[in-house]
Amino acid sequence: MPTIRARAPLRIAFGGGGTDVSPYADTRGGLVLNAAIHRHAYVTLIPTDTGRVRLRSLDYDEALEFDASDGPPTDTEAMALAVGVMQGMEVATCKPGQGFDLFTHTDAPPGSGLGASSTMVVALIGAFEAWLQTGLDRYEMARLAYRVEREDLAMQGGRQDQYAAAFGGFNFMEFRGDDVLVNPLRIPDETIWELEYALVLAWTGRSRLSSTIIEQQIQNVKQGASDALAAMDETKALASKMKRHLLTGDLQAFGTTLDEAWRIKQRMAGGITTPHLDAIYQAAKAAGALGGKVSGAGGGGFMFFFAGFDCRHDVIEAIEAHDAEVVHFGFTDRGLETWIR
């Protein structure tokens, strides 16, 4: 039988992150600027005639096997994302005697701040869509991914990651509750190449549990915490400013605005920064970086910094001295992709 593969890109969030989370997105509207990078979540799906479903993560010590006719067991948390997608797409209603083997792999761990969990859900949906031919378009797959992850599995988070994974590229996203508009940005190639050269992406050596930060952010909105709400309004406005800098090719201003974005972000909830992150950030700035921030909710994961060509090596040396690991990357304009071997 043919082997179906799917992959979806991870993303870097430049500005507006957090404004895509309810209830802020529902009541005040969210704006997010992000870009897909050439690191992915992968899914391999192999249909079989065994009547068995075998799920396995190639990254973690997780596996699950059961009869296709019975559906997944209810007393296990193993392979939760795959099981959630199966239930959301009603994959269990396959023909008698039919089964499949499914393998997952991602280029970044959960807690990385690159949207790994949501990207995996999109890749899973893409693999099952390629097999079952349900006719879902990219918007519908992103909406389904949000429902599976945020509603069915009750995992805290926003909406940007699912759409970044489905569409790829540089996008300016608008959120108003369930109404999402993805605006692809037509950025000249030379601007993208310059940005790739200027940005230093680094793993801080520590993952984080984003749900705690996001829950506090949600409570701040519900309780009307004035400074947190003002910070979210400011980061939303900053996302629009950063979009203009990218479209006009003013990358120096873009780099400086990242510094402002990081300072504003820290007011949105507690735990966004830590002494370890502060030390890395201060070292990068002292070495010449114009600005930077964490990608994602905060507390750990990946950080990125804007450094001129003449100080890039100094910035890398400075942050590596704080146990951060620099990771080479590139941007990609391709979103979810599926193919058959």
C-alpha atoms as a PDB file:
ATOM      1  CA  MET A   1       0.000   0.000   0.000  1.00  0.00           C
ATOM      2  CA  PRO A   2       1.171   3.581  -0.642  1.00  0.00           C
ATOM      3  CA  THR A   3       2.851   5.579   2.091  1.00  0.00           C
ATOM      4  CA  ILE A   4       1.389   9.027   2.762  1.00  0.00           C
ATOM      5  CA  ARG A   5       3.614  11.752   4.133  1.00  0.00           C
ATOM      6  CA  ALA A   6       2.734  15.202   5.402  1.00  0.00           C
ATOM      7  CA  ARG A   7       4.768  18.057   6.767  1.00  0.00           C
ATOM      8  CA  ALA A   8       3.908  21.510   8.074  1.00  0.00           C
ATOM      9  CA  PRO A   9       6.319  24.348   8.941  1.00  0.00           C
ATOM     10  CA  LEU A  10       7.060  25.717  12.380  1.00  0.00           C
ATOM     11  CA  ARG A  11       6.936  29.481  12.809  1.00  0.00           C
ATOM     12  CA  ILE A  12       8.578  32.497  14.392  1.00  0.00           C
ATOM     13  CA  ALA A  13       6.210  35.063  15.926  1.00  0.00           C
ATOM     14  CA  PHE A  14       7.492  38.626  15.498  1.00  0.00           C
ATOM     15  CA  GLY A  15       4.712  40.738  16.958  1.00  0.00           C
ATOM     16  CA  GLY A  16       1.184  40.597  18.319  1.00  0.00           C
ATOM     17  CA  GLY A  17       1.532  37.164  19.896  1.00  0.00           C
ATOM     18  CA  GLY A  18      -1.035  36.677  22.637  1.00  0.00           C
ATOM     19  CA  THR A  19      -3.664  38.864  20.997  1.00  0.00           C
ATOM     20  CA  ASP A  20      -4.856  35.750  19.130  1.00  0.00           C
ATOM     21  CA  VAL A  21      -5.924  34.156  22.438  1.00  0.00           C
ATOM     22  CA  SER A  22      -9.518  34.297  23.670  1.00  0.00           C
ATOM     23  CA  PRO A  23     -11.075  36.281  25.259  1.00  0.00           C
ATOM     24  CA  TYR A  24      -8.859  39.158  24.058  1.00  0.00           C
ATOM     25  CA  ALA A  25      -9.235  38.125  20.413  1.00  0.00           C
ATOM     26  CA  ASP A  26     -13.020  37.903  20.836  1.00  0.00           C
ATOM     27  CA  THR A  27     -13.574  41.276  22.493  1.00  0.00           C
ATOM     28  CA  ARG A  28     -10.793  43.533  21.176  1.00  0.00           C
ATOM     29  CA  GLY A  29      -9.524  41.723  18.095  1.00  0.00           C
ATOM     30  CA  GLY A  30      -6.029  40.384  17.545  1.00  0.00           C
ATOM     31  CA  LEU A  31      -3.261  41.127  15.049  1.00  0.00           C
ATOM     32  CA  VAL A  32      -0.183  38.900  14.642  1.00  0.00           C
ATOM     33  CA  LEU A  33       2.862  39.077  12.394  1.00  0.00           C
ATOM     34  CA  ASN A  34       4.663  35.760  11.922  1.00  0.00           C
ATOM     35  CA  ALA A  35       6.680  33.759   9.425  1.00  0.00           C
ATOM     36  CA  ALA A  36       7.052  30.063   8.674  1.00  0.00           C
ATOM     37  CA  ILE A  37      10.546  28.609   8.920  1.00  0.00           C
ATOM     38  CA  HIS A  38      12.192  25.668   7.229  1.00  0.00           C
ATOM     39  CA  ARG A  39      11.751  23.345  10.196  1.00  0.00           C
ATOM     40  CA  HIS A  40       8.792  21.020  10.240  1.00  0.00           C
ATOM     41  CA  ALA A  41       6.472  18.573  11.910  1.00  0.00           C
ATOM     42  CA  TYR A  42       6.299  15.326   9.907  1.00  0.00           C
ATOM     43  CA  VAL A  43       3.700  12.569   9.717  1.00  0.00           C
ATOM     44  CA  THR A  44       3.960   9.233   7.923  1.00  0.00           C
ATOM     45  CA  LEU A  45       0.729   7.262   7.433  1.00  0.00           C
ATOM     46  CA  ILE A  46       0.767   3.723   6.019  1.00  0.00           C
ATOM     47  CA  PRO A  47      -2.658   2.142   5.375  1.00  0.00           C
ATOM     48  CA  THR A  48      -2.819  -1.579   6.156  1.00  0.00           C
ATOM     49  CA  ASP A  49      -5.306  -4.428   5.978  1.00  0.00           C
ATOM     50  CA  THR A  50      -4.602  -5.626   9.529  1.00  0.00           C
ATOM     51  CA  GLY A  51      -7.572  -3.934  11.187  1.00  0.00           C
ATOM     52  CA  ARG A  52      -5.120  -2.496  13.716  1.00  0.00           C
ATOM     53  CA  VAL A  53      -4.064   1.088  14.382  1.00  0.00           C
ATOM     54  CA  ARG A  54      -0.467   1.598  15.493  1.00  0.00           C
ATOM     55  CA  LEU A  55       0.652   5.090  16.509  1.00  0.00           C
ATOM     56  CA  ARG A  56       4.250   5.939  17.344  1.00  0.00           C
ATOM     57  CA  SER A  57       6.251   9.083  18.084  1.00  0.00           C
ATOM     58  CA  LEU A  58       9.785   8.867  16.704  1.00  0.00           C
ATOM     59  CA  ASP A  59      10.888  11.660  19.056  1.00  0.00           C
ATOM     60  CA  TYR A  60       9.511  10.425  22.353  1.00  0.00           C
ATOM     61  CA  ASP A  61       8.927   7.126  24.063  1.00  0.00           C
ATOM     62  CA  GLU A  62       5.258   7.011  23.095  1.00  0.00           C
ATOM     63  CA  ALA A  63       3.325   4.357  21.221  1.00  0.00           C
ATOM     64  CA  LEU A  64      -0.271   3.188  21.124  1.00  0.00           C
ATOM     65  CA  GLU A  65      -1.926   0.227  19.414  1.00  0.00           C
ATOM     66  CA  PHE A  66      -5.565  -0.833  19.243  1.00  0.00           C
ATOM     67  CA  ASP A  67      -8.205  -2.447  17.024  1.00  0.00           C
ATOM     68  CA  ALA A  68      -9.518   0.052  14.473  1.00  0.00           C
ATOM     69  CA  SER A  69     -13.075  -1.132  15.129  1.00  0.00           C
ATOM     70  CA  ASP A  70     -12.742  -0.421  18.871  1.00  0.00           C
ATOM     71  CA  GLY A  71     -11.214   3.024  18.606  1.00  0.00           C
ATOM     72  CA  PRO A  72      -8.494   4.350  20.911  1.00  0.00           C
ATOM     73  CA  PRO A  73      -8.600   3.417  24.614  1.00  0.00           C
ATOM     74  CA  THR A  74      -9.940   6.074  26.969  1.00  0.00           C
ATOM     75  CA  ASP A  75      -7.502   5.336  29.803  1.00  0.00           C
ATOM     76  CA  THR A  76      -4.303   6.546  28.116  1.00  0.00           C
ATOM     77  CA  GLU A  77      -2.754   9.916  27.313  1.00  0.00           C
ATOM     78  CA  ALA A  78      -0.236   8.462  24.856  1.00  0.00           C
ATOM     79  CA  MET A  79      -0.262   9.998  21.366  1.00  0.00           C
ATOM     80  CA  ALA A  80      -2.938  12.466  22.456  1.00  0.00           C
ATOM     81  CA  LEU A  81      -2.608  14.739  19.413  1.00  0.00           C
ATOM     82  CA  ALA A  82      -2.974  11.874  16.938  1.00  0.00           C
ATOM     83  CA  VAL A  83      -5.932  10.434  18.843  1.00  0.00           C
ATOM     84  CA  GLY A  84      -7.551  13.874  19.004  1.00  0.00           C
ATOM     85  CA  VAL A  85      -7.256  14.319  15.247  1.00  0.00           C
ATOM     86  CA  MET A  86      -8.602  10.812  14.627  1.00  0.00           C
ATOM     87  CA  GLN A  87     -11.654  11.597  16.710  1.00  0.00           C
ATOM     88  CA  GLY A  88     -12.086  15.051  15.217  1.00  0.00           C
ATOM     89  CA  MET A  89     -11.991  13.658  11.668  1.00  0.00           C
ATOM     90  CA  GLU A  90     -13.924  10.470  12.540  1.00  0.00           C
ATOM     91  CA  VAL A  91     -11.086   8.333  11.215  1.00  0.00           C
ATOM     92  CA  ALA A  92     -12.400   5.380  13.233  1.00  0.00           C
ATOM     93  CA  THR A  93     -15.180   4.958  10.677  1.00  0.00           C
ATOM     94  CA  CYS A  94     -12.840   3.262   8.191  1.00  0.00           C
ATOM     95  CA  LYS A  95     -13.779   0.062   6.360  1.00  0.00           C
ATOM     96  CA  PRO A  96     -13.838  -3.307   8.198  1.00  0.00           C
ATOM     97  CA  GLY A  97     -10.402  -4.898   8.253  1.00  0.00           C
ATOM     98  CA  GLN A  98      -8.694  -1.637   7.398  1.00  0.00           C
ATOM     99  CA  GLY A  99      -6.051  -0.124   9.655  1.00  0.00           C
ATOM    100  CA  PHE A 100      -2.953   1.998   9.485  1.00  0.00           C
ATOM    101  CA  ASP A 101       0.451   2.655  10.981  1.00  0.00           C
ATOM    102  CA  LEU A 102       1.247   6.273  11.824  1.00  0.00           C
ATOM    103  CA  PHE A 103       4.573   7.843  12.797  1.00  0.00           C
ATOM    104  CA  THR A 104       5.258  11.407  13.948  1.00  0.00           C
ATOM    105  CA  HIS A 105       8.454  13.443  14.110  1.00  0.00           C
ATOM    106  CA  THR A 106       9.159  17.144  14.674  1.00  0.00           C
ATOM    107  CA  ASP A 107      12.205  19.359  14.296  1.00  0.00           C
ATOM    108  CA  ALA A 108      11.490  21.119  17.612  1.00  0.00           C
ATOM    109  CA  PRO A 109      10.216  19.854  20.954  1.00  0.00           C
ATOM    110  CA  PRO A 110       6.977  20.930  22.666  1.00  0.00           C
ATOM    111  CA  GLY A 111       7.640  24.038  24.718  1.00  0.00           C
ATOM    112  CA  SER A 112       9.977  25.418  22.056  1.00  0.00           C
ATOM    113  CA  GLY A 113       7.900  28.511  21.321  1.00  0.00           C
ATOM    114  CA  LEU A 114       7.833  27.632  17.619  1.00  0.00           C
ATOM    115  CA  GLY A 115       4.275  26.274  17.626  1.00  0.00           C
ATOM    116  CA  ALA A 116       5.352  22.621  17.530  1.00  0.00           C
ATOM    117  CA  SER A 117       2.190  21.055  18.977  1.00  0.00           C
ATOM    118  CA  SER A 118      -0.206  22.995  16.733  1.00  0.00           C
ATOM    119  CA  THR A 119       1.995  22.356  13.718  1.00  0.00           C
ATOM    120  CA  MET A 120       1.904  18.626  14.430  1.00  0.00           C
ATOM    121  CA  VAL A 121      -1.892  18.725  14.594  1.00  0.00           C
ATOM    122  CA  VAL A 122      -2.001  20.425  11.186  1.00  0.00           C
ATOM    123  CA  ALA A 123       0.393  17.828   9.736  1.00  0.00           C
ATOM    124  CA  LEU A 124      -1.759  15.018  11.151  1.00  0.00           C
ATOM    125  CA  ILE A 125      -4.885  16.525   9.610  1.00  0.00           C
ATOM    126  CA  GLY A 126      -3.037  16.875   6.304  1.00  0.00           C
ATOM    127  CA  ALA A 127      -2.019  13.218   6.307  1.00  0.00           C
ATOM    128  CA  PHE A 128      -5.545  11.990   7.051  1.00  0.00           C
ATOM    129  CA  GLU A 129      -6.995  14.434   4.508  1.00  0.00           C
ATOM    130  CA  ALA A 130      -4.657  13.037   1.837  1.00  0.00           C
ATOM    131  CA  TRP A 131      -5.834   9.524   2.711  1.00  0.00           C
ATOM    132  CA  LEU A 132      -9.550  10.096   3.241  1.00  0.00           C
ATOM    133  CA  GLN A 133      -9.998  12.863   0.636  1.00  0.00           C
ATOM    134  CA  THR A 134     -12.431  14.879   2.773  1.00  0.00           C
ATOM    135  CA  GLY A 135     -12.034  18.041   0.671  1.00  0.00           C
ATOM    136  CA  LEU A 136     -10.915  20.389   3.447  1.00  0.00           C
ATOM    137  CA  ASP A 137      -9.207  23.602   2.354  1.00  0.00           C
ATOM    138  CA  ARG A 138      -6.403  25.288   4.321  1.00  0.00           C
ATOM    139  CA  TYR A 139      -8.688  27.528   6.332  1.00  0.00           C
ATOM    140  CA  GLU A 140     -10.868  24.549   7.251  1.00  0.00           C
ATOM    141  CA  MET A 141      -7.871  22.441   8.259  1.00  0.00           C
ATOM    142  CA  ALA A 142      -6.517  25.262  10.443  1.00  0.00           C
ATOM    143  CA  ARG A 143      -9.946  25.719  12.077  1.00  0.00           C
ATOM    144  CA  LEU A 144     -10.204  21.984  12.699  1.00  0.00           C
ATOM    145  CA  ALA A 145      -6.693  21.950  14.189  1.00  0.00           C
ATOM    146  CA  TYR A 146      -7.692  24.762  16.555  1.00  0.00           C
ATOM    147  CA  ARG A 147     -10.853  22.917  17.602  1.00  0.00           C
ATOM    148  CA  VAL A 148      -9.017  19.638  18.227  1.00  0.00           C
ATOM    149  CA  GLU A 149      -6.220  21.229  20.223  1.00  0.00           C
ATOM    150  CA  ARG A 150      -7.995  24.013  22.113  1.00  0.00           C
ATOM    151  CA  GLU A 151     -11.511  22.623  22.556  1.00  0.00           C
ATOM    152  CA  ASP A 152     -11.405  18.824  22.345  1.00  0.00           C
ATOM    153  CA  LEU A 153      -8.041  18.394  24.088  1.00  0.00           C
ATOM    154  CA  ALA A 154      -8.393  21.559  26.224  1.00  0.00           C
ATOM    155  CA  MET A 155      -4.819  22.698  25.497  1.00  0.00           C
ATOM    156  CA  GLN A 156      -4.346  26.399  26.243  1.00  0.00           C
ATOM    157  CA  GLY A 157      -3.192  28.645  23.426  1.00  0.00           C
ATOM    158  CA  GLY A 158      -4.124  30.918  20.588  1.00  0.00           C
ATOM    159  CA  ARG A 159      -4.957  30.638  16.907  1.00  0.00           C
ATOM    160  CA  GLN A 160      -1.893  31.844  15.012  1.00  0.00           C
ATOM    161  CA  ASP A 161       0.094  28.591  15.048  1.00  0.00           C
ATOM    162  CA  GLN A 162      -2.487  26.514  13.183  1.00  0.00           C
ATOM    163  CA  TYR A 163      -2.816  29.081  10.393  1.00  0.00           C
ATOM    164  CA  ALA A 164       0.939  29.647  10.092  1.00  0.00           C
ATOM    165  CA  ALA A 165       1.411  25.887   9.674  1.00  0.00           C
ATOM    166  CA  ALA A 166      -1.382  25.558   7.130  1.00  0.00           C
ATOM    167  CA  PHE A 167      -0.439  28.558   4.952  1.00  0.00           C
ATOM    168  CA  GLY A 168       3.320  29.091   5.360  1.00  0.00           C
ATOM    169  CA  GLY A 169       5.135  32.274   4.349  1.00  0.00           C
ATOM    170  CA  PHE A 170       5.113  35.703   5.988  1.00  0.00           C
ATOM    171  CA  ASN A 171       1.607  36.560   7.170  1.00  0.00           C
ATOM    172  CA  PHE A 172      -0.220  39.362   8.897  1.00  0.00           C
ATOM    173  CA  MET A 173      -3.161  37.673  10.621  1.00  0.00           C
ATOM    174  CA  GLU A 174      -6.365  39.244  11.883  1.00  0.00           C
ATOM    175  CA  PHE A 175      -8.425  37.567  14.605  1.00  0.00           C
ATOM    176  CA  ARG A 176     -11.927  38.322  15.814  1.00  0.00           C
ATOM    177  CA  GLY A 177     -13.172  35.255  17.662  1.00  0.00           C
ATOM    178  CA  ASP A 178     -13.588  32.418  15.164  1.00  0.00           C
ATOM    179  CA  ASP A 179     -13.208  34.834  12.246  1.00  0.00           C
ATOM    180  CA  VAL A 180      -9.608  34.621  11.028  1.00  0.00           C
ATOM    181  CA  LEU A 181      -8.099  36.383   8.020  1.00  0.00           C
ATOM    182  CA  VAL A 182      -4.633  35.446   6.779  1.00  0.00           C
ATOM    183  CA  ASN A 183      -2.988  38.241   4.780  1.00  0.00           C
ATOM    184  CA  PRO A 184       0.118  36.954   2.919  1.00  0.00           C
ATOM    185  CA  LEU A 185       2.821  39.621   2.704  1.00  0.00           C
ATOM    186  CA  ARG A 186       4.609  40.237  -0.589  1.00  0.00           C
ATOM    187  CA  ILE A 187       8.087  40.858   0.754  1.00  0.00           C
ATOM    188  CA  PRO A 188      10.947  41.151  -1.783  1.00  0.00           C
ATOM    189  CA  ASP A 189      13.337  38.207  -1.806  1.00  0.00           C
ATOM    190  CA  GLU A 190      16.319  40.377  -0.970  1.00  0.00           C
ATOM    191  CA  THR A 191      14.557  41.634   2.177  1.00  0.00           C
ATOM    192  CA  ILE A 192      13.878  38.061   3.255  1.00  0.00           C
ATOM    193  CA  TRP A 193      17.504  37.088   2.592  1.00  0.00           C
ATOM    194  CA  GLU A 194      18.751  40.047   4.614  1.00  0.00           C
ATOM    195  CA  LEU A 195      16.411  39.145   7.473  1.00  0.00           C
ATOM    196  CA  GLU A 196      17.609  35.531   7.452  1.00  0.00           C
ATOM    197  CA  TYR A 197      21.194  36.770   7.676  1.00  0.00           C
ATOM    198  CA  ALA A 198      20.397  39.248  10.456  1.00  0.00           C
ATOM    199  CA  LEU A 199      18.349  36.986  12.728  1.00  0.00           C
ATOM    200  CA  VAL A 200      20.099  34.681  15.176  1.00  0.00           C
ATOM    201  CA  LEU A 201      17.798  31.899  16.392  1.00  0.00           C
ATOM    202  CA  ALA A 202      18.856  30.194  19.607  1.00  0.00           C
ATOM    203  CA  TRP A 203      17.542  27.403  21.807  1.00  0.00           C
ATOM    204  CA  THR A 204      17.773  28.625  25.400  1.00  0.00           C
ATOM    205  CA  GLY A 205      18.307  25.109  26.697  1.00  0.00           C
ATOM    206  CA  ARG A 206      15.065  25.105  28.639  1.00  0.00           C
ATOM    207  CA  SER A 207      11.538  24.324  27.493  1.00  0.00           C
ATOM    208  CA  ARG A 208       8.566  25.913  29.197  1.00  0.00           C
ATOM    209  CA  LEU A 209       4.943  25.104  29.999  1.00  0.00           C
ATOM    210  CA  SER A 210       3.168  27.822  28.048  1.00  0.00           C
ATOM    211  CA  SER A 211      -0.261  26.968  29.468  1.00  0.00           C
ATOM    212  CA  THR A 212       0.584  28.582  32.818  1.00  0.00           C
ATOM    213  CA  ILE A 213       1.552  31.876  31.175  1.00  0.00           C
ATOM    214  CA  ILE A 214      -1.423  31.797  28.823  1.00  0.00           C
ATOM    215  CA  GLU A 215      -3.838  31.076  31.689  1.00  0.00           C
ATOM    216  CA  GLN A 216      -2.564  34.126  33.562  1.00  0.00           C
ATOM    217  CA  GLN A 217      -2.902  36.190  30.404  1.00  0.00           C
ATOM    218  CA  ILE A 218      -6.512  35.003  30.053  1.00  0.00           C
ATOM    219  CA  GLN A 219      -7.263  35.887  33.657  1.00  0.00           C
ATOM    220  CA  ASN A 220      -5.717  39.332  33.197  1.00  0.00           C
ATOM    221  CA  VAL A 221      -8.116  39.993  30.328  1.00  0.00           C
ATOM    222  CA  LYS A 222     -11.143  38.650  32.200  1.00  0.00           C
ATOM    223  CA  GLN A 223     -10.307  40.719  35.276  1.00  0.00           C
ATOM    224  CA  GLY A 224      -9.575  43.837  33.253  1.00  0.00           C
ATOM    225  CA  ALA A 225      -5.981  44.203  34.490  1.00  0.00           C
ATOM    226  CA  SER A 226      -5.187  47.612  33.042  1.00  0.00           C
ATOM    227  CA  ASP A 227      -1.437  47.279  32.472  1.00  0.00           C
ATOM    228  CA  ALA A 228      -1.710  43.824  30.911  1.00  0.00           C
ATOM    229  CA  LEU A 229      -4.519  44.986  28.609  1.00  0.00           C
ATOM    230  CA  ALA A 230      -2.562  48.099  27.658  1.00  0.00           C
ATOM    231  CA  ALA A 231       0.463  45.916  26.861  1.00  0.00           C
ATOM    232  CA  MET A 232      -1.648  43.708  24.601  1.00  0.00           C
ATOM    233  CA  ASP A 233      -3.062  46.754  22.816  1.00  0.00           C
ATOM    234  CA  GLU A 234       0.481  48.065  22.375  1.00  0.00           C
ATOM    235  CA  THR A 235       1.870  44.787  21.054  1.00  0.00           C
ATOM    236  CA  LYS A 236      -0.985  44.649  18.556  1.00  0.00           C
ATOM    237  CA  ALA A 237      -0.140  48.156  17.333  1.00  0.00           C
ATOM    238  CA  LEU A 238       3.523  47.178  17.188  1.00  0.00           C
ATOM    239  CA  ALA A 239       2.682  44.221  14.929  1.00  0.00           C
ATOM    240  CA  SER A 240       1.277  46.683  12.389  1.00  0.00           C
ATOM    241  CA  LYS A 241       4.403  48.848  12.647  1.00  0.00           C
ATOM    242  CA  MET A 242       6.656  45.813  12.160  1.00  0.00           C
ATOM    243  CA  LYS A 243       4.652  44.794   9.099  1.00  0.00           C
ATOM    244  CA  ARG A 244       5.301  48.219   7.544  1.00  0.00           C
ATOM    245  CA  HIS A 245       9.022  47.948   8.285  1.00  0.00           C
ATOM    246  CA  LEU A 246       9.180  44.581   6.504  1.00  0.00           C
ATOM    247  CA  LEU A 247       7.192  45.728   3.499  1.00  0.00           C
ATOM    248  CA  THR A 248       9.356  48.841   3.070  1.00  0.00           C
ATOM    249  CA  GLY A 249      12.594  46.955   3.728  1.00  0.00           C
ATOM    250  CA  ASP A 250      13.519  49.066   6.764  1.00  0.00           C
ATOM    251  CA  LEU A 251      15.179  46.227   8.650  1.00  0.00           C
ATOM    252  CA  GLN A 252      17.121  48.460  11.030  1.00  0.00           C
ATOM    253  CA  ALA A 253      13.827  49.830  12.314  1.00  0.00           C
ATOM    254  CA  PHE A 254      12.437  46.290  12.407  1.00  0.00           C
ATOM    255  CA  GLY A 255      15.328  45.148  14.615  1.00  0.00           C
ATOM    256  CA  THR A 256      14.903  48.071  16.982  1.00  0.00           C
ATOM    257  CA  THR A 257      11.164  47.419  17.198  1.00  0.00           C
ATOM    258  CA  LEU A 258      11.858  43.868  18.352  1.00  0.00           C
ATOM    259  CA  ASP A 259      13.481  45.335  21.450  1.00  0.00           C
ATOM    260  CA  GLU A 260      10.358  47.364  22.140  1.00  0.00           C
ATOM    261  CA  ALA A 261       8.176  44.302  21.514  1.00  0.00           C
ATOM    262  CA  TRP A 262      10.125  42.280  24.097  1.00  0.00           C
ATOM    263  CA  ARG A 263       9.740  44.973  26.760  1.00  0.00           C
ATOM    264  CA  ILE A 264       6.008  45.251  26.113  1.00  0.00           C
ATOM    265  CA  LYS A 265       5.496  41.488  26.054  1.00  0.00           C
ATOM    266  CA  GLN A 266       6.844  41.108  29.576  1.00  0.00           C
ATOM    267  CA  ARG A 267       3.935  43.187  30.939  1.00  0.00           C
ATOM    268  CA  MET A 268       1.285  40.819  29.553  1.00  0.00           C
ATOM    269  CA  ALA A 269       1.673  38.124  32.246  1.00  0.00           C
ATOM    270  CA  GLY A 270       4.086  36.850  34.869  1.00  0.00           C
ATOM    271  CA  GLY A 271       6.724  34.271  33.977  1.00  0.00           C
ATOM    272  CA  ILE A 272       7.310  35.499  30.411  1.00  0.00           C
ATOM    273  CA  THR A 273      10.932  36.173  31.233  1.00  0.00           C
ATOM    274  CA  THR A 274      13.308  34.504  33.689  1.00  0.00           C
ATOM    275  CA  PRO A 275      16.760  35.389  35.046  1.00  0.00           C
ATOM    276  CA  HIS A 276      18.237  32.967  32.498  1.00  0.00           C
ATOM    277  CA  LEU A 277      16.427  34.633  29.584  1.00  0.00           C
ATOM    278  CA  ASP A 278      17.334  38.087  30.881  1.00  0.00           C
ATOM    279  CA  ALA A 279      21.010  37.118  31.004  1.00  0.00           C
ATOM    280  CA  ILE A 280      20.925  35.819  27.421  1.00  0.00           C
ATOM    281  CA  TYR A 281      19.107  38.919  26.202  1.00  0.00           C
ATOM    282  CA  GLN A 282      21.443  41.347  27.950  1.00  0.00           C
ATOM    283  CA  ALA A 283      24.482  39.500  26.594  1.00  0.00           C
ATOM    284  CA  ALA A 284      23.096  39.716  23.048  1.00  0.00           C
ATOM    285  CA  LYS A 285      22.391  43.442  23.379  1.00  0.00           C
ATOM    286  CA  ALA A 286      25.847  44.104  24.845  1.00  0.00           C
ATOM    287  CA  ALA A 287      27.361  42.297  21.847  1.00  0.00           C
ATOM    288  CA  GLY A 288      25.533  44.552  19.393  1.00  0.00           C
ATOM    289  CA  ALA A 289      22.074  43.055  18.797  1.00  0.00           C
ATOM    290  CA  LEU A 290      19.465  45.742  18.097  1.00  0.00           C
ATOM    291  CA  GLY A 291      16.690  43.710  19.673  1.00  0.00           C
ATOM    292  CA  GLY A 292      15.105  40.308  20.038  1.00  0.00           C
ATOM    293  CA  LYS A 293      12.489  38.353  21.940  1.00  0.00           C
ATOM    294  CA  VAL A 294      11.246  34.896  22.763  1.00  0.00           C
ATOM    295  CA  SER A 295       9.173  33.176  20.108  1.00  0.00           C
ATOM    296  CA  GLY A 296       5.978  32.035  21.763  1.00  0.00           C
ATOM    297  CA  ALA A 297       4.398  32.574  25.151  1.00  0.00           C
ATOM    298  CA  GLY A 298       7.723  32.951  26.981  1.00  0.00           C
ATOM    299  CA  GLY A 299       9.457  31.364  29.942  1.00  0.00           C
ATOM    300  CA  GLY A 300      11.954  29.467  27.766  1.00  0.00           C
ATOM    301  CA  GLY A 301      12.148  27.787  24.403  1.00  0.00           C
ATOM    302  CA  PHE A 302      13.685  29.661  21.469  1.00  0.00           C
ATOM    303  CA  MET A 303      14.805  33.284  21.374  1.00  0.00           C
ATOM    304  CA  PHE A 304      15.861  35.250  18.325  1.00  0.00           C
ATOM    305  CA  PHE A 305      17.965  38.390  17.941  1.00  0.00           C
ATOM    306  CA  PHE A 306      18.508  40.945  15.199  1.00  0.00           C
ATOM    307  CA  ALA A 307      22.247  41.449  14.642  1.00  0.00           C
ATOM    308  CA  GLY A 308      24.088  43.353  11.931  1.00  0.00           C
ATOM    309  CA  PHE A 309      26.483  41.408   9.723  1.00  0.00           C
ATOM    310  CA  ASP A 310      29.454  43.002  11.480  1.00  0.00           C
ATOM    311  CA  CYS A 311      28.419  41.902  14.983  1.00  0.00           C
ATOM    312  CA  ARG A 312      26.562  38.663  14.252  1.00  0.00           C
ATOM    313  CA  HIS A 313      29.564  36.554  15.295  1.00  0.00           C
ATOM    314  CA  ASP A 314      29.885  38.543  18.528  1.00  0.00           C
ATOM    315  CA  VAL A 315      26.207  38.014  19.355  1.00  0.00           C
ATOM    316  CA  ILE A 316      26.485  34.282  18.713  1.00  0.00           C
ATOM    317  CA  GLU A 317      29.561  34.008  20.912  1.00  0.00           C
ATOM    318  CA  ALA A 318      27.886  36.008  23.693  1.00  0.00           C
ATOM    319  CA  ILE A 319      24.704  33.958  23.881  1.00  0.00           C
ATOM    320  CA  GLU A 320      26.524  30.636  23.529  1.00  0.00           C
ATOM    321  CA  ALA A 321      28.482  31.645  26.633  1.00  0.00           C
ATOM    322  CA  HIS A 322      25.105  31.484  28.425  1.00  0.00           C
ATOM    323  CA  ASP A 323      24.451  27.911  27.257  1.00  0.00           C
ATOM    324  CA  ALA A 324      22.187  28.930  24.377  1.00  0.00           C
ATOM    325  CA  GLU A 325      22.500  26.851  21.207  1.00  0.00           C
ATOM    326  CA  VAL A 326      22.380  28.737  17.915  1.00  0.00           C
ATOM    327  CA  VAL A 327      20.233  26.985  15.301  1.00  0.00           C
ATOM    328  CA  HIS A 328      20.540  27.790  11.609  1.00  0.00           C
ATOM    329  CA  PHE A 329      17.241  28.248   9.804  1.00  0.00           C
ATOM    330  CA  GLY A 330      15.597  29.770   6.752  1.00  0.00           C
ATOM    331  CA  PHE A 331      12.137  31.062   5.950  1.00  0.00           C
ATOM    332  CA  THR A 332       9.721  29.148   3.743  1.00  0.00           C
ATOM    333  CA  ASP A 333       6.716  30.268   1.748  1.00  0.00           C
ATOM    334  CA  ARG A 334       5.292  26.733   1.712  1.00  0.00           C
ATOM    335  CA  GLY A 335       2.673  25.667   4.212  1.00  0.00           C
ATOM    336  CA  LEU A 336       1.216  22.209   4.749  1.00  0.00           C
ATOM    337  CA  GLU A 337       2.382  19.733   2.117  1.00  0.00           C
ATOM    338  CA  THR A 338       1.405  16.101   1.491  1.00  0.00           C
ATOM    339  CA  TRP A 339       2.768  13.520  -0.915  1.00  0.00           C
ATOM    340  CA  ILE A 340       2.624   9.795  -1.607  1.00  0.00           C
ATOM    341  CA  ARG A 341       5.522   7.368  -1.899  1.00  0.00           C
END
